[in-house]
């Protein structure tokens, strides 16, 4: 919680806290006002719930699960959880969610594939991540919070948000300098981002980045610590783009790309992801930008040149379950459609190419995935970028 609960201004490193439940305030005036308004009736309950941070994490987790169950109700009707095999979870009494595209590929349903209780996923992730005797590396263990272990697809939408809150409430009690606390904050940021709560996600990533820098102090960061910082900056840059701060997003994306390229080389998967983010940012800016002297849009041309290099790198180095593996080619098609200087013939070919990419996205990621829906919108509006005969 990085804002005063009374007036909602950002606190940074300053502010006061309730001595009992640790509720944050910007100063004594807001604390007194909030106490008189409602906090005197809440304080004991919040303290009993583990303090302000844990209490609100629990409340938000329960609310996120309820939203996810409601959202997935039609898809899960008549199904059972693939982990506990029950319709209603015995302990939490929660309903089911569809966590990924398992069982929905090529239009073929396959029983309980991809159907689960959020709490079953949470217990599974907690058990695996806490197992010190396991032979799995930390990254593989941690992926339980982030992706389906059957198809490899990352959790999306309301399910990702519920898992983000679950992850955060699991590790929030760790010290501020603990790596798992910071990674859990990032998991929460991803969940908020995937449910379009962009401003809240930015605040979470910025808090995680501040804690990361504080824990490193003045010493030289390790390779993993630098990668962690790049990851948080990359997420902030993506959110800047979603909230209309495109120029800031481009500047930060380029900084992260150069850092990762130096650290890992141009063919590392995270470097490729960053390069695709830069290309996408250029594409979005170019679509709204000024037309050059030759009738082109310079930033779209720059994005297309980057994508020509990135397409073979992505196909060679990214896993087919990786979203970026399937979004690089439609981005290239968009760079042709959006450029006024490109011929009508090339634009028509790009539209056909976009249609084929959409078929692949539906088959691999599922029809409800965010990337699939974005490409459907691009295809519906493609004719508006193609000049008449």
Protein backbone atom coordinates (compact mmCIF):
# COMPACT_ATOMS: atom_id res chain seq x y z
CA UNK A 1 0.00 0.00 0.00
CA UNK A 2 1.83 3.05 -1.26
CA UNK A 3 -0.95 5.66 -0.89
CA UNK A 4 -2.60 7.39 2.05
CA UNK A 5 -5.87 5.51 2.69
CA UNK A 6 -7.63 8.77 3.50
CA UNK A 7 -6.62 11.15 0.68
CA UNK A 8 -4.96 8.63 -1.72
CA UNK A 9 -1.83 10.70 -2.42
CA UNK A 10 1.40 8.70 -3.07
CA UNK A 11 3.48 8.33 0.10
CA UNK A 12 6.96 7.47 -1.23
CA UNK A 13 9.20 6.91 1.81
CA UNK A 14 7.34 9.39 4.08
CA UNK A 15 4.09 9.23 6.02
CA UNK A 16 2.65 7.78 9.22
CA UNK A 17 1.13 4.43 10.15
CA UNK A 18 -1.53 3.32 12.58
CA UNK A 19 0.38 1.97 15.58
CA UNK A 20 -1.82 -1.14 15.77
CA UNK A 21 -2.65 -2.26 12.21
CA UNK A 22 0.00 -0.31 10.18
CA UNK A 23 -2.59 1.45 7.98
CA UNK A 24 -0.63 4.11 6.02
CA UNK A 25 -1.36 7.86 6.13
CA UNK A 26 0.34 10.96 4.76
CA UNK A 27 0.15 12.71 8.13
CA UNK A 28 -1.60 13.15 11.46
CA UNK A 29 -4.54 15.09 10.00
CA UNK A 30 -5.53 12.30 7.58
CA UNK A 31 -5.03 9.69 10.28
CA UNK A 32 -7.37 11.53 12.67
CA UNK A 33 -9.97 12.10 9.93
CA UNK A 34 -9.92 8.43 8.87
CA UNK A 35 -10.15 7.26 12.49
CA UNK A 36 -13.29 9.32 13.07
CA UNK A 37 -14.84 8.29 9.73
CA UNK A 38 -14.41 4.52 9.85
CA UNK A 39 -11.03 3.26 11.05
CA UNK A 40 -11.99 3.05 14.73
CA UNK A 41 -14.45 0.32 13.70
CA UNK A 42 -11.97 -1.42 11.35
CA UNK A 43 -8.69 -1.32 13.23
CA UNK A 44 -9.14 -4.44 15.36
CA UNK A 45 -10.46 -6.43 12.40
CA UNK A 46 -7.54 -5.37 10.18
CA UNK A 47 -5.04 -6.18 12.95
CA UNK A 48 -6.64 -9.60 13.44
CA UNK A 49 -6.29 -10.15 9.68
CA UNK A 50 -2.50 -9.75 9.90
CA UNK A 51 -2.13 -5.99 9.49
CA UNK A 52 -3.15 -3.59 6.75
CA UNK A 53 -0.99 -5.08 4.00
CA UNK A 54 -2.11 -8.67 4.55
CA UNK A 55 -5.73 -7.77 5.27
CA UNK A 56 -6.13 -5.92 1.98
CA UNK A 57 -4.19 -8.59 0.06
CA UNK A 58 -6.63 -11.21 1.41
CA UNK A 59 -9.66 -9.08 0.56
CA UNK A 60 -8.43 -8.33 -2.96
CA UNK A 61 -7.55 -11.99 -3.56
CA UNK A 62 -11.05 -13.13 -2.61
CA UNK A 63 -12.61 -10.44 -4.80
CA UNK A 64 -10.34 -11.37 -7.75
CA UNK A 65 -11.25 -15.07 -7.44
CA UNK A 66 -14.96 -14.21 -7.42
CA UNK A 67 -14.54 -12.11 -10.57
CA UNK A 68 -12.57 -14.88 -12.31
CA UNK A 69 -15.16 -17.55 -11.44
CA UNK A 70 -18.00 -15.35 -12.72
CA UNK A 71 -16.09 -14.51 -15.90
CA UNK A 72 -15.40 -18.19 -16.64
CA UNK A 73 -18.81 -19.55 -15.62
CA UNK A 74 -19.98 -20.32 -19.15
CA UNK A 75 -16.74 -22.11 -20.10
CA UNK A 76 -16.67 -24.24 -16.92
CA UNK A 77 -20.31 -25.34 -16.81
CA UNK A 78 -20.54 -29.08 -16.13
CA UNK A 79 -16.74 -29.42 -15.69
CA UNK A 80 -14.55 -30.46 -12.77
CA UNK A 81 -11.15 -29.31 -11.49
CA UNK A 82 -8.27 -31.22 -13.09
CA UNK A 83 -6.35 -31.13 -9.77
CA UNK A 84 -8.94 -32.02 -7.10
CA UNK A 85 -11.60 -33.41 -9.52
CA UNK A 86 -14.38 -31.53 -7.66
CA UNK A 87 -16.90 -29.05 -9.03
CA UNK A 88 -16.89 -26.88 -5.88
CA UNK A 89 -13.62 -26.59 -3.94
CA UNK A 90 -14.34 -28.30 -0.55
CA UNK A 91 -12.46 -25.83 1.66
CA UNK A 92 -13.04 -22.45 -0.01
CA UNK A 93 -16.40 -23.29 -1.67
CA UNK A 94 -15.23 -21.47 -4.81
CA UNK A 95 -16.20 -22.30 -8.37
CA UNK A 96 -14.06 -23.15 -11.38
CA UNK A 97 -12.06 -21.08 -13.87
CA UNK A 98 -10.54 -21.75 -17.29
CA UNK A 99 -6.86 -20.98 -16.82
CA UNK A 100 -5.51 -21.35 -20.38
CA UNK A 101 -6.32 -22.67 -23.87
CA UNK A 102 -5.93 -26.36 -22.95
CA UNK A 103 -8.91 -28.26 -24.31
CA UNK A 104 -9.87 -25.42 -26.65
CA UNK A 105 -7.42 -25.95 -29.49
CA UNK A 106 -8.64 -26.51 -33.02
CA UNK A 107 -12.17 -26.18 -31.64
CA UNK A 108 -11.92 -29.52 -29.83
CA UNK A 109 -12.95 -29.68 -26.17
CA UNK A 110 -11.22 -32.23 -23.96
CA UNK A 111 -12.97 -32.65 -20.65
CA UNK A 112 -11.38 -30.95 -17.68
CA UNK A 113 -8.26 -29.76 -19.53
CA UNK A 114 -7.56 -26.18 -18.49
CA UNK A 115 -10.36 -26.18 -15.87
CA UNK A 116 -9.31 -25.65 -12.26
CA UNK A 117 -9.95 -23.93 -8.92
CA UNK A 118 -7.71 -20.93 -8.32
CA UNK A 119 -7.04 -22.16 -4.77
CA UNK A 120 -5.84 -25.52 -6.17
CA UNK A 121 -3.34 -23.69 -8.38
CA UNK A 122 -2.25 -21.63 -5.36
CA UNK A 123 -1.63 -24.67 -3.15
CA UNK A 124 0.24 -26.40 -5.95
CA UNK A 125 2.50 -23.35 -6.46
CA UNK A 126 3.13 -22.93 -2.73
CA UNK A 127 4.06 -26.58 -2.22
CA UNK A 128 6.46 -26.67 -5.19
CA UNK A 129 8.10 -23.31 -4.40
CA UNK A 130 8.63 -24.24 -0.73
CA UNK A 131 10.12 -27.68 -1.52
CA UNK A 132 13.83 -27.24 -0.85
CA UNK A 133 14.55 -30.88 -1.80
CA UNK A 134 13.20 -30.46 -5.35
CA UNK A 135 15.60 -30.78 -8.29
CA UNK A 136 13.78 -28.01 -10.19
CA UNK A 137 15.49 -24.64 -10.49
CA UNK A 138 13.86 -21.57 -8.97
CA UNK A 139 12.58 -20.25 -12.31
CA UNK A 140 10.80 -23.52 -13.12
CA UNK A 141 9.26 -23.63 -9.65
CA UNK A 142 8.13 -20.02 -9.85
CA UNK A 143 6.43 -20.62 -13.20
CA UNK A 144 3.58 -22.32 -11.27
CA UNK A 145 2.37 -18.85 -10.36
CA UNK A 146 2.52 -17.67 -13.95
CA UNK A 147 1.73 -20.36 -16.51
CA UNK A 148 -0.06 -23.62 -17.26
CA UNK A 149 2.28 -26.56 -16.67
CA UNK A 150 0.61 -28.57 -19.46
CA UNK A 151 0.53 -26.23 -22.47
CA UNK A 152 3.04 -23.61 -21.26
CA UNK A 153 0.65 -20.70 -21.95
CA UNK A 154 0.77 -17.89 -19.39
CA UNK A 155 -2.35 -17.32 -17.33
CA UNK A 156 -4.40 -14.46 -18.71
CA UNK A 157 -6.99 -11.93 -17.62
CA UNK A 158 -8.90 -12.44 -14.38
CA UNK A 159 -7.13 -15.73 -13.55
CA UNK A 160 -3.73 -14.01 -13.76
CA UNK A 161 -5.03 -11.25 -11.48
CA UNK A 162 -6.26 -13.75 -8.87
CA UNK A 163 -2.94 -15.63 -8.98
CA UNK A 164 -1.09 -12.31 -8.66
CA UNK A 165 -2.93 -11.42 -5.46
CA UNK A 166 -2.43 -14.97 -4.16
CA UNK A 167 1.31 -14.80 -4.82
CA UNK A 168 1.63 -11.40 -3.16
CA UNK A 169 -0.26 -12.43 -0.01
CA UNK A 170 1.94 -15.55 0.21
CA UNK A 171 5.24 -13.65 0.31
CA UNK A 172 4.40 -10.12 1.52
CA UNK A 173 5.54 -10.85 5.10
CA UNK A 174 9.13 -11.45 3.98
CA UNK A 175 11.73 -8.70 4.62
CA UNK A 176 11.81 -5.73 2.23
CA UNK A 177 15.19 -6.92 0.93
CA UNK A 178 13.96 -10.47 0.19
CA UNK A 179 13.97 -11.38 -3.50
CA UNK A 180 10.76 -13.45 -3.28
CA UNK A 181 8.85 -10.45 -1.93
CA UNK A 182 9.92 -8.37 -4.94
CA UNK A 183 9.14 -11.14 -7.42
CA UNK A 184 5.71 -11.56 -5.80
CA UNK A 185 5.10 -7.83 -6.25
CA UNK A 186 5.92 -8.24 -9.94
CA UNK A 187 3.49 -11.18 -10.18
CA UNK A 188 0.79 -8.91 -8.73
CA UNK A 189 1.75 -6.20 -11.25
CA UNK A 190 1.34 -8.66 -14.12
CA UNK A 191 -2.12 -9.68 -12.86
CA UNK A 192 -3.25 -6.06 -12.53
CA UNK A 193 -1.85 -5.31 -15.98
CA UNK A 194 -3.73 -8.21 -17.57
CA UNK A 195 -7.01 -6.91 -16.15
CA UNK A 196 -6.31 -3.37 -17.43
CA UNK A 197 -5.68 -1.86 -13.98
CA UNK A 198 -2.73 0.01 -15.46
CA UNK A 199 -2.20 2.80 -12.93
CA UNK A 200 -2.27 0.33 -10.03
CA UNK A 201 0.15 -1.94 -11.90
CA UNK A 202 2.59 0.96 -12.46
CA UNK A 203 2.50 1.75 -8.72
CA UNK A 204 3.22 -1.90 -7.87
CA UNK A 205 6.15 -2.16 -10.32
CA UNK A 206 7.61 1.14 -9.09
CA UNK A 207 7.40 -0.07 -5.49
CA UNK A 208 9.13 -3.32 -6.47
CA UNK A 209 11.84 -1.41 -8.34
CA UNK A 210 12.41 0.88 -5.35
CA UNK A 211 12.73 -2.11 -2.99
CA UNK A 212 15.11 -3.77 -5.46
CA UNK A 213 17.38 -0.71 -5.60
CA UNK A 214 17.27 -0.30 -1.83
CA UNK A 215 18.35 -3.91 -1.28
CA UNK A 216 21.27 -3.56 -3.71
CA UNK A 217 22.47 -0.29 -2.17
CA UNK A 218 25.75 1.04 -3.55
CA UNK A 219 27.26 -2.35 -4.40
CA UNK A 220 27.59 -3.66 -7.94
CA UNK A 221 24.50 -5.64 -8.99
CA UNK A 222 24.81 -9.27 -10.01
CA UNK A 223 23.71 -10.50 -13.43
CA UNK A 224 20.40 -11.81 -12.03
CA UNK A 225 19.77 -8.57 -10.13
CA UNK A 226 20.34 -6.51 -13.26
CA UNK A 227 17.94 -8.75 -15.19
CA UNK A 228 15.37 -8.28 -12.42
CA UNK A 229 15.67 -4.51 -12.75
CA UNK A 230 15.36 -4.71 -16.53
CA UNK A 231 12.20 -6.81 -16.14
CA UNK A 232 10.53 -4.27 -13.88
CA UNK A 233 11.53 -1.34 -16.11
CA UNK A 234 10.22 -3.22 -19.13
CA UNK A 235 6.85 -3.73 -17.45
CA UNK A 236 6.65 -0.04 -16.52
CA UNK A 237 7.45 0.92 -20.12
CA UNK A 238 4.65 -1.34 -21.44
CA UNK A 239 2.20 0.30 -19.05
CA UNK A 240 3.33 3.77 -20.09
CA UNK A 241 2.28 2.78 -23.60
CA UNK A 242 -1.14 1.61 -22.40
CA UNK A 243 -1.75 4.89 -20.55
CA UNK A 244 -0.85 7.12 -23.51
CA UNK A 245 2.72 7.96 -22.45
CA UNK A 246 4.16 6.58 -25.69
CA UNK A 247 7.30 8.74 -25.90
CA UNK A 248 8.28 7.85 -22.33
CA UNK A 249 7.54 4.21 -23.11
CA UNK A 250 9.78 4.22 -26.19
CA UNK A 251 12.68 5.85 -24.32
CA UNK A 252 12.50 3.30 -21.48
CA UNK A 253 12.05 0.33 -23.87
CA UNK A 254 15.19 1.36 -25.77
CA UNK A 255 17.18 1.70 -22.52
CA UNK A 256 16.09 -1.79 -21.41
CA UNK A 257 16.87 -3.25 -24.84
CA UNK A 258 20.40 -1.85 -24.85
CA UNK A 259 20.99 -3.08 -21.31
CA UNK A 260 19.77 -6.60 -22.04
CA UNK A 261 21.64 -6.75 -25.34
CA UNK A 262 24.87 -5.90 -23.51
CA UNK A 263 24.18 -8.37 -20.71
CA UNK A 264 22.76 -11.34 -22.66
CA UNK A 265 23.43 -10.74 -26.36
CA UNK A 266 21.00 -10.14 -29.26
CA UNK A 267 19.69 -13.74 -29.50
CA UNK A 268 18.60 -14.14 -25.87
CA UNK A 269 14.82 -14.56 -25.61
CA UNK A 270 14.44 -11.62 -23.22
CA UNK A 271 16.46 -9.38 -25.56
CA UNK A 272 14.17 -10.42 -28.43
CA UNK A 273 11.11 -9.64 -26.29
CA UNK A 274 12.51 -6.16 -25.60
CA UNK A 275 13.29 -5.55 -29.27
CA UNK A 276 9.71 -6.53 -30.18
CA UNK A 277 8.46 -4.08 -27.54
CA UNK A 278 10.53 -1.31 -29.14
CA UNK A 279 9.16 -2.22 -32.59
CA UNK A 280 5.59 -2.27 -31.28
CA UNK A 281 6.07 1.13 -29.63
CA UNK A 282 7.45 2.58 -32.88
CA UNK A 283 4.49 1.06 -34.71
CA UNK A 284 1.96 2.68 -32.37
CA UNK A 285 3.70 6.06 -32.51
CA UNK A 286 4.09 5.86 -36.28
CA UNK A 287 0.41 5.08 -36.84
CA UNK A 288 -0.45 8.41 -35.21
CA UNK A 289 2.61 10.37 -36.34
CA UNK A 290 3.36 12.84 -39.07
CA UNK A 291 3.80 11.73 -42.68
CA UNK A 292 7.31 12.25 -44.07
CA UNK A 293 8.38 14.04 -47.25
CA UNK A 294 8.11 10.81 -49.30
CA UNK A 295 4.60 10.02 -48.07
CA UNK A 296 5.90 7.49 -45.54
CA UNK A 297 5.79 7.37 -41.76
CA UNK A 298 9.43 7.24 -40.56
CA UNK A 299 8.73 5.40 -37.31
CA UNK A 300 6.68 2.72 -39.06
CA UNK A 301 9.54 2.26 -41.54
CA UNK A 302 11.95 1.96 -38.60
CA UNK A 303 9.67 -0.63 -36.96
CA UNK A 304 9.46 -2.66 -40.19
CA UNK A 305 13.25 -2.69 -40.56
CA UNK A 306 13.61 -3.93 -36.98
CA UNK A 307 10.99 -6.63 -37.53
CA UNK A 308 12.73 -7.92 -40.67
CA UNK A 309 15.72 -8.71 -38.45
CA UNK A 310 13.66 -9.94 -35.51
CA UNK A 311 11.40 -12.42 -37.35
CA UNK A 312 14.13 -15.03 -38.00
CA UNK A 313 15.59 -14.47 -34.51
CA UNK A 314 12.17 -15.05 -32.91
CA UNK A 315 11.51 -18.22 -34.94
CA UNK A 316 14.96 -19.58 -34.11
CA UNK A 317 15.15 -18.73 -30.40
CA UNK A 318 11.63 -18.49 -28.98
CA UNK A 319 9.52 -21.42 -27.84
CA UNK A 320 6.24 -21.98 -29.75
CA UNK A 321 4.36 -21.51 -26.45
CA UNK A 322 5.80 -17.98 -26.19
CA UNK A 323 3.28 -15.27 -27.16
CA UNK A 324 6.01 -13.26 -28.90
CA UNK A 325 6.74 -16.22 -31.17
CA UNK A 326 3.30 -15.71 -32.71
CA UNK A 327 2.94 -11.90 -32.52
CA UNK A 328 6.12 -10.83 -34.36
CA UNK A 329 4.78 -11.74 -37.82
CA UNK A 330 1.40 -9.98 -37.46
CA UNK A 331 3.28 -6.90 -36.23
CA UNK A 332 5.28 -6.97 -39.46
CA UNK A 333 2.02 -7.17 -41.45
CA UNK A 334 0.71 -4.16 -39.52
CA UNK A 335 3.86 -2.19 -40.36
CA UNK A 336 2.95 -2.63 -44.04
CA UNK A 337 -0.74 -1.84 -43.62
CA UNK A 338 -0.14 1.36 -41.62
CA UNK A 339 2.44 2.86 -44.00
CA UNK A 340 0.84 5.22 -46.57
CA UNK A 341 3.81 4.90 -48.91
CA UNK A 342 3.39 1.12 -49.39
CA UNK A 343 1.62 -0.08 -52.56
CA UNK A 344 -1.94 -1.42 -52.55
CA UNK A 345 -0.70 -4.84 -53.69
CA UNK A 346 1.66 -5.14 -50.71
CA UNK A 347 -1.09 -4.05 -48.33
CA UNK A 348 -3.47 -6.70 -49.69
CA UNK A 349 -0.76 -9.34 -49.21
CA UNK A 350 -0.21 -8.06 -45.67
CA UNK A 351 -3.94 -8.44 -44.93
CA UNK A 352 -3.84 -12.07 -46.10
CA UNK A 353 -0.74 -12.63 -43.97
CA UNK A 354 -2.51 -11.11 -40.96
CA UNK A 355 -5.48 -13.45 -41.49
CA UNK A 356 -3.22 -16.52 -41.47
CA UNK A 357 -1.49 -15.28 -38.31
CA UNK A 358 -4.88 -14.86 -36.64
CA UNK A 359 -5.79 -18.48 -37.43
CA UNK A 360 -2.57 -19.57 -35.72
CA UNK A 361 -3.25 -17.40 -32.67
CA UNK A 362 -6.74 -18.87 -32.29
CA UNK A 363 -5.34 -22.40 -32.51
CA UNK A 364 -2.35 -21.90 -30.20
CA UNK A 365 -3.44 -19.26 -27.68
CA UNK A 366 -7.21 -19.68 -27.82
CA UNK A 367 -9.96 -17.39 -29.07
CA UNK A 368 -10.30 -15.45 -25.80
CA UNK A 369 -6.61 -14.57 -25.44
CA UNK A 370 -5.76 -10.84 -25.45
CA UNK A 371 -3.33 -11.15 -28.37
CA UNK A 372 -5.95 -13.02 -30.43
CA UNK A 373 -8.53 -10.33 -29.82
CA UNK A 374 -6.08 -7.56 -30.69
CA UNK A 375 -5.28 -9.24 -34.01
CA UNK A 376 -9.01 -9.71 -34.73
CA UNK A 377 -9.45 -5.95 -34.32
CA UNK A 378 -6.47 -5.29 -36.61
CA UNK A 379 -7.95 -7.53 -39.30
CA UNK A 380 -11.40 -5.92 -39.03
CA UNK A 381 -9.88 -2.46 -39.53
CA UNK A 382 -7.34 -3.49 -42.20
CA UNK A 383 -9.48 -2.33 -45.14
CA UNK A 384 -9.34 1.21 -43.80
CA UNK A 385 -5.60 1.27 -44.54
CA UNK A 386 -5.88 -0.13 -48.08
CA UNK A 387 -6.43 2.48 -50.80
CA UNK A 388 -9.18 1.93 -53.42
CA UNK A 389 -8.32 0.82 -56.98
